[in-house]
Amino acid sequence: MGIETDEKGKVKGSLKNVKWVAHYFGVSRNTIHQWVKEDHIPYINLGVSGGKRIIRFAPDVIEAWLYERSRMPEPQHPSEEKAKLDQEIE
């Protein structure tokens, strides 16, 4: 999944800043900056202004990245769950 653009090549929707992404994930802005520094999270580098690096995030790309990283437990058959509980009790 890439960044959606209109017919003129402009990004659809609005790009989000570090503060928005930190709030979305429930982590500090420092954590987001660390993830960017480590190339851990997808971001867009808009360059440098006034000695500060300007980075933004595409919400659809962030959601896809989060979905790719999510893990779901294997469904267990009810009898397997009971057997597991019985073993834990013993």
PDB file of N, CA and C in Angstrom:
ATOM      1  N   MET A   1       0.846  -1.170   0.000  1.00  0.00           N
ATOM      2  CA  MET A   1       0.000   0.000   0.000  1.00  0.00           C
ATOM      3  C   MET A   1       0.890   1.230   0.000  1.00  0.00           C
ATOM      4  N   GLY A   2       0.679   2.127  -0.955  1.00  0.00           N
ATOM      5  CA  GLY A   2       1.476   3.339  -1.036  1.00  0.00           C
ATOM      6  C   GLY A   2       0.655   4.547  -0.658  1.00  0.00           C
ATOM      7  N   ILE A   3       1.236   5.691  -0.860  1.00  0.00           N
ATOM      8  CA  ILE A   3       0.541   6.933  -0.576  1.00  0.00           C
ATOM      9  C   ILE A   3      -0.388   7.235  -1.736  1.00  0.00           C
ATOM     10  N   GLU A   4      -1.662   7.505  -1.440  1.00  0.00           N
ATOM     11  CA  GLU A   4      -2.628   7.813  -2.482  1.00  0.00           C
ATOM     12  C   GLU A   4      -2.425   9.230  -2.972  1.00  0.00           C
ATOM     13  N   THR A   5      -2.458   9.391  -4.300  1.00  0.00           N
ATOM     14  CA  THR A   5      -2.305  10.718  -4.889  1.00  0.00           C
ATOM     15  C   THR A   5      -3.476  10.998  -5.815  1.00  0.00           C
ATOM     16  N   ASP A   6      -3.734  12.275  -6.057  1.00  0.00           N
ATOM     17  CA  ASP A   6      -4.785  12.654  -6.991  1.00  0.00           C
ATOM     18  C   ASP A   6      -4.217  12.660  -8.411  1.00  0.00           C
ATOM     19  N   GLU A   7      -5.021  13.142  -9.355  1.00  0.00           N
ATOM     20  CA  GLU A   7      -4.597  13.116 -10.755  1.00  0.00           C
ATOM     21  C   GLU A   7      -3.401  14.026 -11.043  1.00  0.00           C
ATOM     22  N   LYS A   8      -3.132  14.984 -10.153  1.00  0.00           N
ATOM     23  CA  LYS A   8      -1.984  15.877 -10.336  1.00  0.00           C
ATOM     24  C   LYS A   8      -0.760  15.401  -9.556  1.00  0.00           C
ATOM     25  N   GLY A   9      -0.876  14.255  -8.884  1.00  0.00           N
ATOM     26  CA  GLY A   9       0.252  13.725  -8.130  1.00  0.00           C
ATOM     27  C   GLY A   9       0.340  14.238  -6.707  1.00  0.00           C
ATOM     28  N   LYS A  10      -0.648  15.025  -6.271  1.00  0.00           N
ATOM     29  CA  LYS A  10      -0.639  15.534  -4.902  1.00  0.00           C
ATOM     30  C   LYS A  10      -1.182  14.471  -3.955  1.00  0.00           C
ATOM     31  N   VAL A  11      -0.646  14.452  -2.745  1.00  0.00           N
ATOM     32  CA  VAL A  11      -1.067  13.471  -1.755  1.00  0.00           C
ATOM     33  C   VAL A  11      -2.502  13.750  -1.342  1.00  0.00           C
ATOM     34  N   LYS A  12      -3.337  12.695  -1.366  1.00  0.00           N
ATOM     35  CA  LYS A  12      -4.723  12.827  -0.917  1.00  0.00           C
ATOM     36  C   LYS A  12      -4.742  12.864   0.598  1.00  0.00           C
ATOM     37  N   GLY A  13      -5.630  13.667   1.150  1.00  0.00           N
ATOM     38  CA  GLY A  13      -5.714  13.763   2.597  1.00  0.00           C
ATOM     39  C   GLY A  13      -4.560  14.592   3.126  1.00  0.00           C
ATOM     40  N   SER A  14      -4.460  14.632   4.413  1.00  0.00           N
ATOM     41  CA  SER A  14      -3.390  15.448   4.989  1.00  0.00           C
ATOM     42  C   SER A  14      -2.344  14.577   5.652  1.00  0.00           C
ATOM     43  N   LEU A  15      -1.116  15.013   5.543  1.00  0.00           N
ATOM     44  CA  LEU A  15      -0.030  14.329   6.222  1.00  0.00           C
ATOM     45  C   LEU A  15      -0.068  14.721   7.693  1.00  0.00           C
ATOM     46  N   LYS A  16       0.365  13.821   8.553  1.00  0.00           N
ATOM     47  CA  LYS A  16       0.311  14.046   9.995  1.00  0.00           C
ATOM     48  C   LYS A  16       1.710  14.281  10.546  1.00  0.00           C
ATOM     49  N   ASN A  17       1.771  15.013  11.656  1.00  0.00           N
ATOM     50  CA  ASN A  17       3.055  15.311  12.279  1.00  0.00           C
ATOM     51  C   ASN A  17       3.375  14.314  13.400  1.00  0.00           C
ATOM     52  N   VAL A  18       4.527  14.485  14.017  1.00  0.00           N
ATOM     53  CA  VAL A  18       4.987  13.586  15.082  1.00  0.00           C
ATOM     54  C   VAL A  18       4.001  13.571  16.249  1.00  0.00           C
ATOM     55  N   LYS A  19       3.501  14.740  16.607  1.00  0.00           N
ATOM     56  CA  LYS A  19       2.572  14.827  17.736  1.00  0.00           C
ATOM     57  C   LYS A  19       1.329  13.965  17.494  1.00  0.00           C
ATOM     58  N   TRP A  20       0.785  14.012  16.280  1.00  0.00           N
ATOM     59  CA  TRP A  20      -0.398  13.237  15.948  1.00  0.00           C
ATOM     60  C   TRP A  20      -0.108  11.739  16.030  1.00  0.00           C
ATOM     61  N   VAL A  21       1.023  11.309  15.464  1.00  0.00           N
ATOM     62  CA  VAL A  21       1.378   9.888  15.468  1.00  0.00           C
ATOM     63  C   VAL A  21       1.622   9.405  16.901  1.00  0.00           C
ATOM     64  N   ALA A  22       2.288  10.215  17.714  1.00  0.00           N
ATOM     65  CA  ALA A  22       2.534   9.849  19.113  1.00  0.00           C
ATOM     66  C   ALA A  22       1.214   9.665  19.845  1.00  0.00           C
ATOM     67  N   HIS A  23       0.283  10.563  19.630  1.00  0.00           N
ATOM     68  CA  HIS A  23      -1.032  10.455  20.272  1.00  0.00           C
ATOM     69  C   HIS A  23      -1.771   9.214  19.765  1.00  0.00           C
ATOM     70  N   TYR A  24      -1.702   8.961  18.464  1.00  0.00           N
ATOM     71  CA  TYR A  24      -2.368   7.807  17.846  1.00  0.00           C
ATOM     72  C   TYR A  24      -1.884   6.492  18.465  1.00  0.00           C
ATOM     73  N   PHE A  25      -0.568   6.391  18.699  1.00  0.00           N
ATOM     74  CA  PHE A  25       0.010   5.173  19.272  1.00  0.00           C
ATOM     75  C   PHE A  25       0.027   5.167  20.794  1.00  0.00           C
ATOM     76  N   GLY A  26      -0.199   6.335  21.395  1.00  0.00           N
ATOM     77  CA  GLY A  26      -0.158   6.417  22.849  1.00  0.00           C
ATOM     78  C   GLY A  26       1.254   6.339  23.400  1.00  0.00           C
ATOM     79  N   VAL A  27       2.191   6.919  22.669  1.00  0.00           N
ATOM     80  CA  VAL A  27       3.595   6.952  23.101  1.00  0.00           C
ATOM     81  C   VAL A  27       4.065   8.405  23.067  1.00  0.00           C
ATOM     82  N   SER A  28       5.272   8.644  23.559  1.00  0.00           N
ATOM     83  CA  SER A  28       5.804  10.006  23.567  1.00  0.00           C
ATOM     84  C   SER A  28       6.325  10.400  22.186  1.00  0.00           C
ATOM     85  N   ARG A  29       6.460  11.708  21.997  1.00  0.00           N
ATOM     86  CA  ARG A  29       7.045  12.199  20.747  1.00  0.00           C
ATOM     87  C   ARG A  29       8.500  11.746  20.628  1.00  0.00           C
ATOM     88  N   ASN A  30       9.186  11.631  21.765  1.00  0.00           N
ATOM     89  CA  ASN A  30      10.566  11.139  21.738  1.00  0.00           C
ATOM     90  C   ASN A  30      10.634   9.721  21.188  1.00  0.00           C
ATOM     91  N   THR A  31       9.654   8.898  21.529  1.00  0.00           N
ATOM     92  CA  THR A  31       9.607   7.525  21.004  1.00  0.00           C
ATOM     93  C   THR A  31       9.463   7.541  19.492  1.00  0.00           C
ATOM     94  N   ILE A  32       8.579   8.384  18.985  1.00  0.00           N
ATOM     95  CA  ILE A  32       8.394   8.471  17.529  1.00  0.00           C
ATOM     96  C   ILE A  32       9.683   8.949  16.868  1.00  0.00           C
ATOM     97  N   HIS A  33      10.336   9.949  17.450  1.00  0.00           N
ATOM     98  CA  HIS A  33      11.620  10.425  16.893  1.00  0.00           C
ATOM     99  C   HIS A  33      12.665   9.311  16.897  1.00  0.00           C
ATOM    100  N   GLN A  34      12.686   8.503  17.942  1.00  0.00           N
ATOM    101  CA  GLN A  34      13.632   7.380  18.011  1.00  0.00           C
ATOM    102  C   GLN A  34      13.327   6.351  16.930  1.00  0.00           C
ATOM    103  N   TRP A  35      12.032   6.043  16.744  1.00  0.00           N
ATOM    104  CA  TRP A  35      11.634   5.089  15.705  1.00  0.00           C
ATOM    105  C   TRP A  35      12.030   5.602  14.323  1.00  0.00           C
ATOM    106  N   VAL A  36      11.885   6.909  14.092  1.00  0.00           N
ATOM    107  CA  VAL A  36      12.292   7.498  12.811  1.00  0.00           C
ATOM    108  C   VAL A  36      13.801   7.366  12.649  1.00  0.00           C
ATOM    109  N   LYS A  37      14.536   7.710  13.691  1.00  0.00           N
ATOM    110  CA  LYS A  37      15.997   7.645  13.651  1.00  0.00           C
ATOM    111  C   LYS A  37      16.476   6.227  13.330  1.00  0.00           C
ATOM    112  N   GLU A  38      15.772   5.221  13.877  1.00  0.00           N
ATOM    113  CA  GLU A  38      16.131   3.813  13.666  1.00  0.00           C
ATOM    114  C   GLU A  38      15.516   3.235  12.393  1.00  0.00           C
ATOM    115  N   ASP A  39      14.799   4.060  11.626  1.00  0.00           N
ATOM    116  CA  ASP A  39      14.091   3.601  10.423  1.00  0.00           C
ATOM    117  C   ASP A  39      13.109   2.478  10.759  1.00  0.00           C
ATOM    118  N   HIS A  40      12.448   2.621  11.874  1.00  0.00           N
ATOM    119  CA  HIS A  40      11.528   1.599  12.359  1.00  0.00           C
ATOM    120  C   HIS A  40      10.099   1.833  11.874  1.00  0.00           C
ATOM    121  N   ILE A  41       9.762   3.072  11.568  1.00  0.00           N
ATOM    122  CA  ILE A  41       8.400   3.448  11.196  1.00  0.00           C
ATOM    123  C   ILE A  41       8.455   4.185   9.854  1.00  0.00           C
ATOM    124  N   PRO A  42       7.454   3.973   8.982  1.00  0.00           N
ATOM    125  CA  PRO A  42       7.472   4.682   7.696  1.00  0.00           C
ATOM    126  C   PRO A  42       7.178   6.168   7.875  1.00  0.00           C
ATOM    127  N   TYR A  43       7.968   7.005   7.237  1.00  0.00           N
ATOM    128  CA  TYR A  43       7.792   8.452   7.348  1.00  0.00           C
ATOM    129  C   TYR A  43       8.193   9.120   6.040  1.00  0.00           C
ATOM    130  N   ILE A  44       7.868  10.381   5.935  1.00  0.00           N
ATOM    131  CA  ILE A  44       8.216  11.174   4.761  1.00  0.00           C
ATOM    132  C   ILE A  44       9.141  12.283   5.231  1.00  0.00           C
ATOM    133  N   ASN A  45      10.316  12.363   4.631  1.00  0.00           N
ATOM    134  CA  ASN A  45      11.288  13.396   4.967  1.00  0.00           C
ATOM    135  C   ASN A  45      11.064  14.577   4.026  1.00  0.00           C
ATOM    136  N   LEU A  46      10.630  15.705   4.599  1.00  0.00           N
ATOM    137  CA  LEU A  46      10.368  16.889   3.779  1.00  0.00           C
ATOM    138  C   LEU A  46      11.550  17.838   3.703  1.00  0.00           C
ATOM    139  N   GLY A  47      12.643  17.465   4.349  1.00  0.00           N
ATOM    140  CA  GLY A  47      13.837  18.298   4.295  1.00  0.00           C
ATOM    141  C   GLY A  47      14.145  18.928   5.629  1.00  0.00           C
ATOM    142  N   VAL A  48      14.927  19.985   5.584  1.00  0.00           N
ATOM    143  CA  VAL A  48      15.371  20.675   6.793  1.00  0.00           C
ATOM    144  C   VAL A  48      14.982  22.145   6.689  1.00  0.00           C
ATOM    145  N   SER A  49      14.476  22.671   7.792  1.00  0.00           N
ATOM    146  CA  SER A  49      14.128  24.088   7.845  1.00  0.00           C
ATOM    147  C   SER A  49      14.552  24.639   9.196  1.00  0.00           C
ATOM    148  N   GLY A  50      15.376  25.668   9.184  1.00  0.00           N
ATOM    149  CA  GLY A  50      15.832  26.263  10.433  1.00  0.00           C
ATOM    150  C   GLY A  50      16.620  25.302  11.293  1.00  0.00           C
ATOM    151  N   GLY A  51      17.333  24.395  10.658  1.00  0.00           N
ATOM    152  CA  GLY A  51      18.141  23.431  11.401  1.00  0.00           C
ATOM    153  C   GLY A  51      17.348  22.253  11.948  1.00  0.00           C
ATOM    154  N   LYS A  52      16.045  22.199  11.661  1.00  0.00           N
ATOM    155  CA  LYS A  52      15.210  21.095  12.134  1.00  0.00           C
ATOM    156  C   LYS A  52      14.752  20.248  10.952  1.00  0.00           C
ATOM    157  N   ARG A  53      14.808  18.957  11.131  1.00  0.00           N
ATOM    158  CA  ARG A  53      14.352  18.015  10.122  1.00  0.00           C
ATOM    159  C   ARG A  53      12.822  17.994  10.148  1.00  0.00           C
ATOM    160  N   ILE A  54      12.195  18.119   8.991  1.00  0.00           N
ATOM    161  CA  ILE A  54      10.742  18.112   8.903  1.00  0.00           C
ATOM    162  C   ILE A  54      10.295  16.740   8.409  1.00  0.00           C
ATOM    163  N   ILE A  55       9.554  16.022   9.259  1.00  0.00           N
ATOM    164  CA  ILE A  55       9.038  14.708   8.873  1.00  0.00           C
ATOM    165  C   ILE A  55       7.529  14.697   9.034  1.00  0.00           C
ATOM    166  N   ARG A  56       6.888  13.955   8.161  1.00  0.00           N
ATOM    167  CA  ARG A  56       5.437  13.805   8.207  1.00  0.00           C
ATOM    168  C   ARG A  56       5.099  12.346   7.966  1.00  0.00           C
ATOM    169  N   PHE A  57       3.861  12.005   8.234  1.00  0.00           N
ATOM    170  CA  PHE A  57       3.397  10.628   8.142  1.00  0.00           C
ATOM    171  C   PHE A  57       2.084  10.585   7.373  1.00  0.00           C
ATOM    172  N   ALA A  58       1.955   9.593   6.511  1.00  0.00           N
ATOM    173  CA  ALA A  58       0.705   9.371   5.783  1.00  0.00           C
ATOM    174  C   ALA A  58      -0.140   8.400   6.618  1.00  0.00           C
ATOM    175  N   PRO A  59      -1.314   8.831   7.067  1.00  0.00           N
ATOM    176  CA  PRO A  59      -2.130   7.981   7.945  1.00  0.00           C
ATOM    177  C   PRO A  59      -2.415   6.585   7.381  1.00  0.00           C
ATOM    178  N   ASP A  60      -2.691   6.479   6.073  1.00  0.00           N
ATOM    179  CA  ASP A  60      -2.982   5.159   5.505  1.00  0.00           C
ATOM    180  C   ASP A  60      -1.754   4.250   5.540  1.00  0.00           C
ATOM    181  N   VAL A  61      -0.574   4.819   5.370  1.00  0.00           N
ATOM    182  CA  VAL A  61       0.664   4.023   5.429  1.00  0.00           C
ATOM    183  C   VAL A  61       0.941   3.584   6.867  1.00  0.00           C
ATOM    184  N   ILE A  62       0.697   4.481   7.828  1.00  0.00           N
ATOM    185  CA  ILE A  62       0.881   4.138   9.242  1.00  0.00           C
ATOM    186  C   ILE A  62      -0.069   3.022   9.637  1.00  0.00           C
ATOM    187  N   GLU A  63      -1.337   3.104   9.214  1.00  0.00           N
ATOM    188  CA  GLU A  63      -2.306   2.055   9.539  1.00  0.00           C
ATOM    189  C   GLU A  63      -1.912   0.720   8.908  1.00  0.00           C
ATOM    190  N   ALA A  64      -1.434   0.739   7.665  1.00  0.00           N
ATOM    191  CA  ALA A  64      -0.995  -0.493   7.001  1.00  0.00           C
ATOM    192  C   ALA A  64       0.206  -1.091   7.728  1.00  0.00           C
ATOM    193  N   TRP A  65       1.150  -0.240   8.133  1.00  0.00           N
ATOM    194  CA  TRP A  65       2.330  -0.688   8.876  1.00  0.00           C
ATOM    195  C   TRP A  65       1.919  -1.324  10.195  1.00  0.00           C
ATOM    196  N   LEU A  66       0.982  -0.702  10.886  1.00  0.00           N
ATOM    197  CA  LEU A  66       0.499  -1.233  12.156  1.00  0.00           C
ATOM    198  C   LEU A  66      -0.192  -2.578  11.948  1.00  0.00           C
ATOM    199  N   TYR A  67      -1.011  -2.674  10.912  1.00  0.00           N
ATOM    200  CA  TYR A  67      -1.720  -3.917  10.610  1.00  0.00           C
ATOM    201  C   TYR A  67      -0.736  -5.044  10.289  1.00  0.00           C
ATOM    202  N   GLU A  68       0.307  -4.736   9.518  1.00  0.00           N
ATOM    203  CA  GLU A  68       1.312  -5.744   9.161  1.00  0.00           C
ATOM    204  C   GLU A  68       2.033  -6.276  10.400  1.00  0.00           C
ATOM    205  N   ARG A  69       2.183  -5.425  11.408  1.00  0.00           N
ATOM    206  CA  ARG A  69       2.902  -5.806  12.620  1.00  0.00           C
ATOM    207  C   ARG A  69       2.022  -6.518  13.640  1.00  0.00           C
ATOM    208  N   SER A  70       0.708  -6.498  13.452  1.00  0.00           N
ATOM    209  CA  SER A  70      -0.193  -7.088  14.443  1.00  0.00           C
ATOM    210  C   SER A  70      -0.157  -8.619  14.354  1.00  0.00           C
ATOM    211  N   ARG A  71      -0.319  -9.229  15.494  1.00  0.00           N
ATOM    212  CA  ARG A  71      -0.313 -10.691  15.589  1.00  0.00           C
ATOM    213  C   ARG A  71      -1.593 -11.138  16.274  1.00  0.00           C
ATOM    214  N   MET A  72      -2.175 -12.182  15.752  1.00  0.00           N
ATOM    215  CA  MET A  72      -3.387 -12.738  16.343  1.00  0.00           C
ATOM    216  C   MET A  72      -3.065 -14.122  16.885  1.00  0.00           C
ATOM    217  N   PRO A  73      -3.557 -14.436  18.088  1.00  0.00           N
ATOM    218  CA  PRO A  73      -3.300 -15.773  18.626  1.00  0.00           C
ATOM    219  C   PRO A  73      -4.026 -16.829  17.796  1.00  0.00           C
ATOM    220  N   GLU A  74      -3.440 -18.011  17.762  1.00  0.00           N
ATOM    221  CA  GLU A  74      -4.052 -19.129  17.054  1.00  0.00           C
ATOM    222  C   GLU A  74      -5.333 -19.533  17.773  1.00  0.00           C
ATOM    223  N   PRO A  75      -6.429 -19.702  17.027  1.00  0.00           N
ATOM    224  CA  PRO A  75      -7.661 -20.145  17.689  1.00  0.00           C
ATOM    225  C   PRO A  75      -7.483 -21.572  18.200  1.00  0.00           C
ATOM    226  N   GLN A  76      -7.989 -21.815  19.404  1.00  0.00           N
ATOM    227  CA  GLN A  76      -7.895 -23.152  19.971  1.00  0.00           C
ATOM    228  C   GLN A  76      -9.280 -23.771  20.046  1.00  0.00           C
ATOM    229  N   HIS A  77      -9.296 -25.061  19.873  1.00  0.00           N
ATOM    230  CA  HIS A  77     -10.541 -25.804  19.999  1.00  0.00           C
ATOM    231  C   HIS A  77     -10.911 -25.815  21.481  1.00  0.00           C
ATOM    232  N   PRO A  78     -12.206 -25.699  21.828  1.00  0.00           N
ATOM    233  CA  PRO A  78     -12.607 -25.668  23.235  1.00  0.00           C
ATOM    234  C   PRO A  78     -12.056 -26.822  24.074  1.00  0.00           C
ATOM    235  N   SER A  79     -11.965 -28.029  23.518  1.00  0.00           N
ATOM    236  CA  SER A  79     -11.444 -29.157  24.282  1.00  0.00           C
ATOM    237  C   SER A  79      -9.951 -28.986  24.558  1.00  0.00           C
ATOM    238  N   GLU A  80      -9.212 -28.349  23.615  1.00  0.00           N
ATOM    239  CA  GLU A  80      -7.793 -28.074  23.835  1.00  0.00           C
ATOM    240  C   GLU A  80      -7.609 -27.058  24.950  1.00  0.00           C
ATOM    241  N   GLU A  81      -8.493 -26.053  24.998  1.00  0.00           N
ATOM    242  CA  GLU A  81      -8.416 -25.055  26.060  1.00  0.00           C
ATOM    243  C   GLU A  81      -8.673 -25.703  27.415  1.00  0.00           C
ATOM    244  N   LYS A  82      -9.666 -26.613  27.484  1.00  0.00           N
ATOM    245  CA  LYS A  82      -9.973 -27.295  28.738  1.00  0.00           C
ATOM    246  C   LYS A  82      -8.797 -28.150  29.175  1.00  0.00           C
ATOM    247  N   ALA A  83      -8.185 -28.874  28.236  1.00  0.00           N
ATOM    248  CA  ALA A  83      -7.031 -29.704  28.557  1.00  0.00           C
ATOM    249  C   ALA A  83      -5.869 -28.842  29.068  1.00  0.00           C
ATOM    250  N   LYS A  84      -5.675 -27.682  28.462  1.00  0.00           N
ATOM    251  CA  LYS A  84      -4.617 -26.775  28.884  1.00  0.00           C
ATOM    252  C   LYS A  84      -4.886 -26.272  30.301  1.00  0.00           C
ATOM    253  N   LEU A  85      -6.126 -25.901  30.583  1.00  0.00           N
ATOM    254  CA  LEU A  85      -6.486 -25.454  31.927  1.00  0.00           C
ATOM    255  C   LEU A  85      -6.312 -26.570  32.943  1.00  0.00           C
ATOM    256  N   ASP A  86      -6.701 -27.788  32.570  1.00  0.00           N
ATOM    257  CA  ASP A  86      -6.550 -28.934  33.474  1.00  0.00           C
ATOM    258  C   ASP A  86      -5.079 -29.163  33.812  1.00  0.00           C
ATOM    259  N   GLN A  87      -4.185 -28.991  32.830  1.00  0.00           N
ATOM    260  CA  GLN A  87      -2.750 -29.148  33.078  1.00  0.00           C
ATOM    261  C   GLN A  87      -2.238 -28.069  34.007  1.00  0.00           C
ATOM    262  N   GLU A  88      -2.732 -26.857  33.864  1.00  0.00           N
ATOM    263  CA  GLU A  88      -2.279 -25.762  34.715  1.00  0.00           C
ATOM    264  C   GLU A  88      -2.722 -25.959  36.159  1.00  0.00           C
ATOM    265  N   ILE A  89      -3.879 -26.581  36.357  1.00  0.00           N
ATOM    266  CA  ILE A  89      -4.409 -26.797  37.708  1.00  0.00           C
ATOM    267  C   ILE A  89      -3.621 -27.877  38.429  1.00  0.00           C
ATOM    268  N   GLU A  90      -3.178 -28.891  37.701  1.00  0.00           N
ATOM    269  CA  GLU A  90      -2.483 -30.024  38.323  1.00  0.00           C
ATOM    270  C   GLU A  90      -1.177 -29.661  38.932  1.00  0.00           C
TER     271      GLU A  90
END
